[in-house]
């Protein structure tokens, strides 16, 4: 009988399997695979737990973000309101300042007009007094004329001032 190479490979493979069974290698492999499967199952459970925690943390951060955005919007709205109030107050202050300055200018103008009118009256009184003095000096002579002129000048000054 002639045995070819395939036959010897089959015989060697069967012997190999018998040796593996004798040393309980299949149990060791099964135990190792079971241990690995348990470890993978444990890792998957841990990964699921970590994912749940991450989702919970993400939801918490999104909630905090929404609260922070709402607070920021409220702060912005309050700042805009305050800026409007400040602008309105500044406008009112400027308007009041302009009113006061206008009133002061009007009072100065009125005072200047009053002073100018008083100066004009004084100048007119002086001119009238001198004119009356000249007329009376030429027409009234002597001590009576001088007395009359002095009294007239004093009366005119008293009336005009």
C-alpha atoms as a PDB file:
ATOM      1  CA  UNK A   1       0.000   0.000   0.000  1.00  0.00           C
ATOM      2  CA  UNK A   2       1.169   3.300  -0.921  1.00  0.00           C
ATOM      3  CA  UNK A   3       0.445   6.275   1.332  1.00  0.00           C
ATOM      4  CA  UNK A   4       0.594   9.681  -0.128  1.00  0.00           C
ATOM      5  CA  UNK A   5       1.358  12.986   1.560  1.00  0.00           C
ATOM      6  CA  UNK A   6      -2.249  13.833   2.213  1.00  0.00           C
ATOM      7  CA  UNK A   7      -2.701  10.680   4.241  1.00  0.00           C
ATOM      8  CA  UNK A   8       0.278  11.536   6.461  1.00  0.00           C
ATOM      9  CA  UNK A   9      -1.040  15.056   6.959  1.00  0.00           C
ATOM     10  CA  UNK A  10      -4.378  13.564   8.058  1.00  0.00           C
ATOM     11  CA  UNK A  11      -2.642  11.178  10.475  1.00  0.00           C
ATOM     12  CA  UNK A  12      -0.539  14.025  11.920  1.00  0.00           C
ATOM     13  CA  UNK A  13      -3.618  16.174  12.324  1.00  0.00           C
ATOM     14  CA  UNK A  14      -5.529  13.442  14.178  1.00  0.00           C
ATOM     15  CA  UNK A  15      -2.526  12.857  16.459  1.00  0.00           C
ATOM     16  CA  UNK A  16      -2.344  16.588  17.066  1.00  0.00           C
ATOM     17  CA  UNK A  17      -6.012  16.656  18.055  1.00  0.00           C
ATOM     18  CA  UNK A  18      -5.552  13.657  20.394  1.00  0.00           C
ATOM     19  CA  UNK A  19      -2.603  15.386  22.074  1.00  0.00           C
ATOM     20  CA  UNK A  20      -4.631  18.540  22.499  1.00  0.00           C
ATOM     21  CA  UNK A  21      -7.534  16.581  23.994  1.00  0.00           C
ATOM     22  CA  UNK A  22      -5.153  14.646  26.302  1.00  0.00           C
ATOM     23  CA  UNK A  23      -3.734  17.857  27.759  1.00  0.00           C
ATOM     24  CA  UNK A  24      -7.255  19.429  27.959  1.00  0.00           C
ATOM     25  CA  UNK A  25      -6.243  22.270  25.740  1.00  0.00           C
ATOM     26  CA  UNK A  26      -9.820  22.637  24.531  1.00  0.00           C
ATOM     27  CA  UNK A  27     -10.953  23.337  28.116  1.00  0.00           C
ATOM     28  CA  UNK A  28      -8.199  25.889  28.567  1.00  0.00           C
ATOM     29  CA  UNK A  29      -9.124  27.534  25.273  1.00  0.00           C
ATOM     30  CA  UNK A  30     -12.807  27.499  26.235  1.00  0.00           C
ATOM     31  CA  UNK A  31     -11.975  28.921  29.672  1.00  0.00           C
ATOM     32  CA  UNK A  32      -9.814  31.608  28.090  1.00  0.00           C
ATOM     33  CA  UNK A  33     -12.531  32.420  25.562  1.00  0.00           C
ATOM     34  CA  UNK A  34     -15.171  32.482  28.318  1.00  0.00           C
ATOM     35  CA  UNK A  35     -12.944  34.770  30.389  1.00  0.00           C
ATOM     36  CA  UNK A  36     -12.387  36.991  27.423  1.00  0.00           C
ATOM     37  CA  UNK A  37     -16.130  37.025  26.670  1.00  0.00           C
ATOM     38  CA  UNK A  38     -16.845  37.916  30.317  1.00  0.00           C
ATOM     39  CA  UNK A  39     -14.210  40.658  30.202  1.00  0.00           C
ATOM     40  CA  UNK A  40     -15.680  42.017  26.954  1.00  0.00           C
ATOM     41  CA  UNK A  41     -19.184  41.877  28.447  1.00  0.00           C
ATOM     42  CA  UNK A  42     -17.917  43.711  31.520  1.00  0.00           C
ATOM     43  CA  UNK A  43     -16.185  46.313  29.318  1.00  0.00           C
ATOM     44  CA  UNK A  44     -19.366  46.746  27.272  1.00  0.00           C
ATOM     45  CA  UNK A  45     -21.390  47.243  30.456  1.00  0.00           C
ATOM     46  CA  UNK A  46     -18.807  49.773  31.678  1.00  0.00           C
ATOM     47  CA  UNK A  47     -18.893  51.511  28.293  1.00  0.00           C
ATOM     48  CA  UNK A  48     -22.709  51.670  28.430  1.00  0.00           C
ATOM     49  CA  UNK A  49     -22.520  53.093  31.963  1.00  0.00           C
ATOM     50  CA  UNK A  50     -19.919  55.674  30.888  1.00  0.00           C
ATOM     51  CA  UNK A  51     -22.022  56.587  27.856  1.00  0.00           C
ATOM     52  CA  UNK A  52     -25.077  57.095  30.089  1.00  0.00           C
ATOM     53  CA  UNK A  53     -22.994  59.297  32.405  1.00  0.00           C
ATOM     54  CA  UNK A  54     -21.644  61.251  29.420  1.00  0.00           C
ATOM     55  CA  UNK A  55     -25.155  61.786  28.053  1.00  0.00           C
ATOM     56  CA  UNK A  56     -26.312  62.887  31.489  1.00  0.00           C
ATOM     57  CA  UNK A  57     -23.355  65.255  31.772  1.00  0.00           C
ATOM     58  CA  UNK A  58     -24.019  66.586  28.259  1.00  0.00           C
ATOM     59  CA  UNK A  59     -27.666  67.215  29.144  1.00  0.00           C
ATOM     60  CA  UNK A  60     -26.540  68.996  32.314  1.00  0.00           C
ATOM     61  CA  UNK A  61     -24.122  71.195  30.350  1.00  0.00           C
ATOM     62  CA  UNK A  62     -26.764  71.962  27.733  1.00  0.00           C
ATOM     63  CA  UNK A  63     -29.145  72.994  30.517  1.00  0.00           C
ATOM     64  CA  UNK A  64     -26.437  75.171  32.086  1.00  0.00           C
ATOM     65  CA  UNK A  65     -25.709  76.646  28.660  1.00  0.00           C
ATOM     66  CA  UNK A  66     -29.395  77.497  28.175  1.00  0.00           C
ATOM     67  CA  UNK A  67     -29.526  79.106  31.632  1.00  0.00           C
ATOM     68  CA  UNK A  68     -26.329  81.068  30.930  1.00  0.00           C
ATOM     69  CA  UNK A  69     -27.680  82.246  27.567  1.00  0.00           C
ATOM     70  CA  UNK A  70     -30.915  83.355  29.235  1.00  0.00           C
ATOM     71  CA  UNK A  71     -28.927  85.218  31.903  1.00  0.00           C
ATOM     72  CA  UNK A  72     -26.762  86.836  29.211  1.00  0.00           C
ATOM     73  CA  UNK A  73     -29.864  87.925  27.306  1.00  0.00           C
ATOM     74  CA  UNK A  74     -31.336  89.384  30.502  1.00  0.00           C
ATOM     75  CA  UNK A  75     -28.085  91.220  31.244  1.00  0.00           C
ATOM     76  CA  UNK A  76     -27.973  92.598  27.701  1.00  0.00           C
ATOM     77  CA  UNK A  77     -31.594  93.731  27.930  1.00  0.00           C
ATOM     78  CA  UNK A  78     -30.938  95.395  31.290  1.00  0.00           C
ATOM     79  CA  UNK A  79     -27.802  97.089  29.913  1.00  0.00           C
ATOM     80  CA  UNK A  80     -29.776  98.381  26.918  1.00  0.00           C
ATOM     81  CA  UNK A  81     -32.478  99.708  29.237  1.00  0.00           C
ATOM     82  CA  UNK A  82     -29.901 101.386  31.471  1.00  0.00           C
ATOM     83  CA  UNK A  83     -28.107 102.831  28.443  1.00  0.00           C
ATOM     84  CA  UNK A  84     -31.421 104.277  27.238  1.00  0.00           C
ATOM     85  CA  UNK A  85     -32.051 105.816  30.665  1.00  0.00           C
ATOM     86  CA  UNK A  86     -28.549 107.251  30.790  1.00  0.00           C
ATOM     87  CA  UNK A  87     -28.927 108.696  27.286  1.00  0.00           C
ATOM     88  CA  UNK A  88     -32.316 110.194  28.211  1.00  0.00           C
ATOM     89  CA  UNK A  89     -30.872 111.704  31.414  1.00  0.00           C
ATOM     90  CA  UNK A  90     -27.917 113.110  29.486  1.00  0.00           C
ATOM     91  CA  UNK A  91     -30.291 114.606  26.910  1.00  0.00           C
ATOM     92  CA  UNK A  92     -32.391 116.153  29.674  1.00  0.00           C
ATOM     93  CA  UNK A  93     -29.265 117.544  31.381  1.00  0.00           C
ATOM     94  CA  UNK A  94     -28.056 119.077  28.115  1.00  0.00           C
ATOM     95  CA  UNK A  95     -31.512 120.558  27.460  1.00  0.00           C
ATOM     96  CA  UNK A  96     -31.604 121.987  31.008  1.00  0.00           C
ATOM     97  CA  UNK A  97     -28.066 123.366  30.581  1.00  0.00           C
ATOM     98  CA  UNK A  98     -29.110 125.035  27.318  1.00  0.00           C
ATOM     99  CA  UNK A  99     -32.230 126.479  28.986  1.00  0.00           C
ATOM    100  CA  UNK A 100     -30.155 127.882  31.853  1.00  0.00           C
ATOM    101  CA  UNK A 101     -27.559 129.344  29.483  1.00  0.00           C
ATOM    102  CA  UNK A 102     -30.316 130.858  27.319  1.00  0.00           C
ATOM    103  CA  UNK A 103     -31.963 132.367  30.404  1.00  0.00           C
ATOM    104  CA  UNK A 104     -28.622 133.742  31.592  1.00  0.00           C
ATOM    105  CA  UNK A 105     -27.954 135.240  28.157  1.00  0.00           C
ATOM    106  CA  UNK A 106     -31.448 136.772  28.086  1.00  0.00           C
ATOM    107  CA  UNK A 107     -30.911 138.213  31.582  1.00  0.00           C
ATOM    108  CA  UNK A 108     -27.543 139.670  30.512  1.00  0.00           C
ATOM    109  CA  UNK A 109     -29.171 141.156  27.403  1.00  0.00           C
ATOM    110  CA  UNK A 110     -31.985 142.660  29.518  1.00  0.00           C
ATOM    111  CA  UNK A 111     -29.444 144.051  32.000  1.00  0.00           C
ATOM    112  CA  UNK A 112     -27.395 145.506  29.138  1.00  0.00           C
ATOM    113  CA  UNK A 113     -30.538 147.056  27.631  1.00  0.00           C
ATOM    114  CA  UNK A 114     -31.476 148.540  31.008  1.00  0.00           C
ATOM    115  CA  UNK A 115     -27.941 149.888  31.487  1.00  0.00           C
ATOM    116  CA  UNK A 116     -27.907 151.302  27.942  1.00  0.00           C
ATOM    117  CA  UNK A 117     -31.302 152.957  28.500  1.00  0.00           C
ATOM    118  CA  UNK A 118     -30.049 154.432  31.770  1.00  0.00           C
ATOM    119  CA  UNK A 119     -26.906 155.723  30.022  1.00  0.00           C
ATOM    120  CA  UNK A 120     -29.013 157.221  27.238  1.00  0.00           C
ATOM    121  CA  UNK A 121     -31.300 158.904  29.800  1.00  0.00           C
ATOM    122  CA  UNK A 122     -28.284 160.180  31.733  1.00  0.00           C
ATOM    123  CA  UNK A 123     -26.704 161.495  28.532  1.00  0.00           C
ATOM    124  CA  UNK A 124     -30.040 163.086  27.531  1.00  0.00           C
ATOM    125  CA  UNK A 125     -30.386 164.601  30.995  1.00  0.00           C
ATOM    126  CA  UNK A 126     -26.877 165.987  30.841  1.00  0.00           C
ATOM    127  CA  UNK A 127     -27.490 167.349  27.350  1.00  0.00           C
ATOM    128  CA  UNK A 128     -30.824 168.876  28.422  1.00  0.00           C
ATOM    129  CA  UNK A 129     -29.210 170.341  31.500  1.00  0.00           C
ATOM    130  CA  UNK A 130     -26.420 171.907  29.496  1.00  0.00           C
ATOM    131  CA  UNK A 131     -28.856 173.205  26.903  1.00  0.00           C
ATOM    132  CA  UNK A 132     -31.075 174.679  29.612  1.00  0.00           C
ATOM    133  CA  UNK A 133     -28.020 176.169  31.279  1.00  0.00           C
ATOM    134  CA  UNK A 134     -26.911 177.798  28.051  1.00  0.00           C
ATOM    135  CA  UNK A 135     -30.409 179.146  27.319  1.00  0.00           C
ATOM    136  CA  UNK A 136     -30.911 180.432  30.830  1.00  0.00           C
ATOM    137  CA  UNK A 137     -27.448 181.986  30.993  1.00  0.00           C
ATOM    138  CA  UNK A 138     -28.098 183.952  27.894  1.00  0.00           C
ATOM    139  CA  UNK A 139     -31.576 185.041  28.935  1.00  0.00           C
ATOM    140  CA  UNK A 140     -31.281 185.305  32.691  1.00  0.00           C
ATOM    141  CA  UNK A 141     -28.404 187.335  33.956  1.00  0.00           C
ATOM    142  CA  UNK A 142     -27.313 188.308  37.358  1.00  0.00           C
ATOM    143  CA  UNK A 143     -27.752 186.571  40.716  1.00  0.00           C
ATOM    144  CA  UNK A 144     -31.404 185.763  40.094  1.00  0.00           C
ATOM    145  CA  UNK A 145     -30.520 184.006  36.833  1.00  0.00           C
ATOM    146  CA  UNK A 146     -27.744 182.039  38.433  1.00  0.00           C
ATOM    147  CA  UNK A 147     -30.028 181.011  41.304  1.00  0.00           C
ATOM    148  CA  UNK A 148     -32.730 180.014  38.812  1.00  0.00           C
ATOM    149  CA  UNK A 149     -30.215 177.999  36.747  1.00  0.00           C
ATOM    150  CA  UNK A 150     -28.850 176.153  39.780  1.00  0.00           C
ATOM    151  CA  UNK A 151     -32.372 175.246  40.992  1.00  0.00           C
ATOM    152  CA  UNK A 152     -33.434 174.116  37.492  1.00  0.00           C
ATOM    153  CA  UNK A 153     -30.341 171.969  37.003  1.00  0.00           C
ATOM    154  CA  UNK A 154     -30.848 170.311  40.383  1.00  0.00           C
ATOM    155  CA  UNK A 155     -34.549 169.671  39.609  1.00  0.00           C
ATOM    156  CA  UNK A 156     -33.775 168.170  36.219  1.00  0.00           C
ATOM    157  CA  UNK A 157     -31.084 165.910  37.615  1.00  0.00           C
ATOM    158  CA  UNK A 158     -33.413 164.783  40.428  1.00  0.00           C
ATOM    159  CA  UNK A 159     -36.253 164.055  37.956  1.00  0.00           C
ATOM    160  CA  UNK A 160     -34.131 162.187  35.410  1.00  0.00           C
ATOM    161  CA  UNK A 161     -32.213 160.011  37.817  1.00  0.00           C
END
